Each structure stands twice: as structure tokens, then as C-alpha cells.
PDB file of N, CA and C in Angstrom:
ATOM      1  N   MET A   1     -22.977 -45.003 -30.775  1.00  0.00           N
ATOM      2  CA  MET A   1     -24.058 -44.259 -30.102  1.00  0.00           C
ATOM      3  C   MET A   1     -25.144 -45.216 -29.458  1.00  0.00           C
ATOM      4  N   SER A   2     -25.291 -46.252 -30.204  1.00  0.00           N
ATOM      5  CA  SER A   2     -26.355 -47.238 -29.767  1.00  0.00           C
ATOM      6  C   SER A   2     -25.794 -47.975 -28.332  1.00  0.00           C
ATOM      7  N   PHE A   3     -24.511 -48.036 -28.353  1.00  0.00           N
ATOM      8  CA  PHE A   3     -23.907 -48.844 -27.195  1.00  0.00           C
ATOM      9  C   PHE A   3     -24.190 -47.806 -25.902  1.00  0.00           C
ATOM     10  N   LYS A   4     -23.979 -46.599 -26.020  1.00  0.00           N
ATOM     11  CA  LYS A   4     -24.139 -45.616 -25.032  1.00  0.00           C
ATOM     12  C   LYS A   4     -25.659 -45.677 -24.305  1.00  0.00           C
ATOM     13  N   LYS A   5     -26.567 -45.910 -25.346  1.00  0.00           N
ATOM     14  CA  LYS A   5     -27.873 -45.894 -24.894  1.00  0.00           C
ATOM     15  C   LYS A   5     -28.301 -47.231 -24.136  1.00  0.00           C
ATOM     16  N   VAL A   6     -27.558 -48.275 -24.580  1.00  0.00           N
ATOM     17  CA  VAL A   6     -27.888 -49.636 -23.961  1.00  0.00           C
ATOM     18  C   VAL A   6     -27.225 -49.685 -22.578  1.00  0.00           C
ATOM     19  N   ALA A   7     -26.085 -48.944 -22.373  1.00  0.00           N
ATOM     20  CA  ALA A   7     -25.484 -49.039 -21.145  1.00  0.00           C
ATOM     21  C   ALA A   7     -26.342 -48.393 -19.904  1.00  0.00           C
ATOM     22  N   PRO A   8     -26.859 -47.180 -20.154  1.00  0.00           N
ATOM     23  CA  PRO A   8     -27.777 -46.565 -19.132  1.00  0.00           C
ATOM     24  C   PRO A   8     -28.960 -47.356 -18.982  1.00  0.00           C
ATOM     25  N   LEU A   9     -29.424 -48.128 -19.839  1.00  0.00           N
ATOM     26  CA  LEU A   9     -30.506 -48.822 -19.699  1.00  0.00           C
ATOM     27  C   LEU A   9     -30.620 -49.905 -18.608  1.00  0.00           C
ATOM     28  N   PRO A  10     -29.569 -50.703 -18.620  1.00  0.00           N
ATOM     29  CA  PRO A  10     -29.393 -51.875 -17.723  1.00  0.00           C
ATOM     30  C   PRO A  10     -29.257 -51.325 -16.274  1.00  0.00           C
ATOM     31  N   LYS A  11     -28.811 -50.100 -16.064  1.00  0.00           N
ATOM     32  CA  LYS A  11     -28.601 -49.574 -14.791  1.00  0.00           C
ATOM     33  C   LYS A  11     -30.074 -49.210 -14.134  1.00  0.00           C
ATOM     34  N   PRO A  12     -30.956 -48.402 -14.913  1.00  0.00           N
ATOM     35  CA  PRO A  12     -32.203 -48.123 -14.282  1.00  0.00           C
ATOM     36  C   PRO A  12     -33.092 -49.242 -14.097  1.00  0.00           C
ATOM     37  N   LYS A  13     -32.867 -50.362 -14.927  1.00  0.00           N
ATOM     38  CA  LYS A  13     -33.652 -51.585 -14.738  1.00  0.00           C
ATOM     39  C   LYS A  13     -33.404 -52.240 -13.229  1.00  0.00           C
ATOM     40  N   HIS A  14     -32.038 -52.053 -12.869  1.00  0.00           N
ATOM     41  CA  HIS A  14     -31.696 -52.840 -11.492  1.00  0.00           C
ATOM     42  C   HIS A  14     -32.364 -51.760 -10.414  1.00  0.00           C
ATOM     43  N   SER A  15     -32.481 -50.526 -10.699  1.00  0.00           N
ATOM     44  CA  SER A  15     -32.979 -49.630  -9.721  1.00  0.00           C
ATOM     45  C   SER A  15     -34.492 -49.828  -9.597  1.00  0.00           C
ATOM     46  N   ARG A  16     -35.162 -50.210 -10.613  1.00  0.00           N
ATOM     47  CA  ARG A  16     -36.653 -50.374 -10.608  1.00  0.00           C
ATOM     48  C   ARG A  16     -36.935 -51.582  -9.605  1.00  0.00           C
ATOM     49  N   LYS A  17     -36.136 -52.578  -9.514  1.00  0.00           N
ATOM     50  CA  LYS A  17     -36.419 -53.718  -8.761  1.00  0.00           C
ATOM     51  C   LYS A  17     -36.624 -53.428  -7.363  1.00  0.00           C
ATOM     52  N   PRO A  18     -35.722 -52.612  -6.796  1.00  0.00           N
ATOM     53  CA  PRO A  18     -35.957 -52.210  -5.294  1.00  0.00           C
ATOM     54  C   PRO A  18     -37.082 -51.199  -5.159  1.00  0.00           C
ATOM     55  N   LEU A  19     -37.593 -50.703  -6.252  1.00  0.00           N
ATOM     56  CA  LEU A  19     -38.741 -49.699  -6.166  1.00  0.00           C
ATOM     57  C   LEU A  19     -40.112 -50.422  -5.925  1.00  0.00           C
ATOM     58  N   PRO A  20     -40.349 -51.688  -6.498  1.00  0.00           N
ATOM     59  CA  PRO A  20     -41.533 -52.348  -6.238  1.00  0.00           C
ATOM     60  C   PRO A  20     -41.712 -52.776  -4.855  1.00  0.00           C
ATOM     61  N   LYS A  21     -40.667 -52.879  -3.999  1.00  0.00           N
ATOM     62  CA  LYS A  21     -40.871 -53.131  -2.659  1.00  0.00           C
ATOM     63  C   LYS A  21     -41.456 -51.937  -1.804  1.00  0.00           C
ATOM     64  N   PRO A  22     -40.967 -50.812  -2.034  1.00  0.00           N
ATOM     65  CA  PRO A  22     -41.377 -49.567  -1.358  1.00  0.00           C
ATOM     66  C   PRO A  22     -42.750 -49.157  -1.834  1.00  0.00           C
ATOM     67  N   LEU A  23     -43.196 -49.589  -2.997  1.00  0.00           N
ATOM     68  CA  LEU A  23     -44.566 -49.396  -3.606  1.00  0.00           C
ATOM     69  C   LEU A  23     -45.671 -49.771  -2.559  1.00  0.00           C
ATOM     70  N   PRO A  24     -45.479 -51.071  -2.109  1.00  0.00           N
ATOM     71  CA  PRO A  24     -46.645 -51.500  -1.255  1.00  0.00           C
ATOM     72  C   PRO A  24     -46.908 -50.631   0.022  1.00  0.00           C
ATOM     73  N   LYS A  25     -45.840 -49.997   0.479  1.00  0.00           N
ATOM     74  CA  LYS A  25     -45.913 -49.070   1.624  1.00  0.00           C
ATOM     75  C   LYS A  25     -46.719 -47.782   1.368  1.00  0.00           C
ATOM     76  N   PRO A  26     -46.441 -47.116   0.263  1.00  0.00           N
ATOM     77  CA  PRO A  26     -47.267 -45.966  -0.078  1.00  0.00           C
ATOM     78  C   PRO A  26     -48.757 -46.189  -0.278  1.00  0.00           C
ATOM     79  N   LYS A  27     -48.983 -47.403  -0.567  1.00  0.00           N
ATOM     80  CA  LYS A  27     -50.452 -47.725  -0.783  1.00  0.00           C
ATOM     81  C   LYS A  27     -51.347 -47.626   0.532  1.00  0.00           C
ATOM     82  N   LYS A  28     -50.575 -47.902   1.620  1.00  0.00           N
ATOM     83  CA  LYS A  28     -51.288 -47.790   2.856  1.00  0.00           C
ATOM     84  C   LYS A  28     -51.336 -46.326   3.360  1.00  0.00           C
ATOM     85  N   GLY A  29     -50.589 -45.561   2.740  1.00  0.00           N
ATOM     86  CA  GLY A  29     -50.557 -44.097   3.191  1.00  0.00           C
ATOM     87  C   GLY A  29     -51.828 -43.377   2.595  1.00  0.00           C
ATOM     88  N   PRO A  30     -52.098 -43.578   1.345  1.00  0.00           N
ATOM     89  CA  PRO A  30     -53.208 -42.844   0.680  1.00  0.00           C
ATOM     90  C   PRO A  30     -54.541 -43.325   1.287  1.00  0.00           C
ATOM     91  N   LYS A  31     -54.554 -44.391   1.917  1.00  0.00           N
ATOM     92  CA  LYS A  31     -55.835 -45.110   2.575  1.00  0.00           C
ATOM     93  C   LYS A  31     -56.123 -44.129   3.792  1.00  0.00           C
ATOM     94  N   LYS A  32     -55.184 -43.651   4.513  1.00  0.00           N
ATOM     95  CA  LYS A  32     -55.291 -42.881   5.821  1.00  0.00           C
ATOM     96  C   LYS A  32     -55.843 -41.430   5.476  1.00  0.00           C
ATOM     97  N   PRO A  33     -55.331 -40.730   4.491  1.00  0.00           N
ATOM     98  CA  PRO A  33     -55.609 -39.412   4.172  1.00  0.00           C
ATOM     99  C   PRO A  33     -57.153 -39.293   3.869  1.00  0.00           C
ATOM    100  N   PRO A  34     -57.693 -40.274   3.008  1.00  0.00           N
ATOM    101  CA  PRO A  34     -59.171 -40.108   2.678  1.00  0.00           C
ATOM    102  C   PRO A  34     -59.929 -40.375   3.975  1.00  0.00           C
ATOM    103  N   ARG A  35     -59.576 -40.983   4.890  1.00  0.00           N
ATOM    104  CA  ARG A  35     -60.329 -41.295   6.063  1.00  0.00           C
ATOM    105  C   ARG A  35     -60.306 -39.959   6.892  1.00  0.00           C
ATOM    106  N   ARG A  36     -59.417 -39.128   6.882  1.00  0.00           N
ATOM    107  CA  ARG A  36     -59.463 -37.888   7.713  1.00  0.00           C
ATOM    108  C   ARG A  36     -60.176 -36.820   7.098  1.00  0.00           C
ATOM    109  N   PRO A  37     -61.121 -36.313   7.710  1.00  0.00           N
ATOM    110  CA  PRO A  37     -62.010 -35.320   7.224  1.00  0.00           C
ATOM    111  C   PRO A  37     -61.261 -33.839   7.089  1.00  0.00           C
ATOM    112  N   ILE A  38     -60.051 -33.805   7.716  1.00  0.00           N
ATOM    113  CA  ILE A  38     -59.276 -32.599   7.802  1.00  0.00           C
ATOM    114  C   ILE A  38     -58.815 -32.215   6.400  1.00  0.00           C
ATOM    115  N   GLU A  39     -58.642 -33.369   5.599  1.00  0.00           N
ATOM    116  CA  GLU A  39     -58.090 -33.008   4.126  1.00  0.00           C
ATOM    117  C   GLU A  39     -59.195 -32.265   3.427  1.00  0.00           C
ATOM    118  N   HIS A  40     -60.445 -32.643   3.697  1.00  0.00           N
ATOM    119  CA  HIS A  40     -61.642 -31.838   2.867  1.00  0.00           C
ATOM    120  C   HIS A  40     -61.583 -30.413   3.358  1.00  0.00           C
TER     121      HIS A  40
END
């Protein structure tokens, strides 16, 4: 049972590496909404 848990773990770790790159893009998005008075 322990082996089954270790196998799925290494997979999500590789998927997290490509996520850090798309993170910097969403940071620029939230900055635009607060500037728009339409959201208020």
C-alpha cells in the first residue's frame, strides 16, 4: 500500500514544476481588475 502512495506522489511533483511558470502571469491579471472601477 505504501508503494501505491509513493507512485502517485512523484507524478504530481513533476506537474507542479510547470505550474510555477504560469503563476507569474496570473499575478499581472489581478493588478488590472483592482484598477477598473467597474468591479466595484
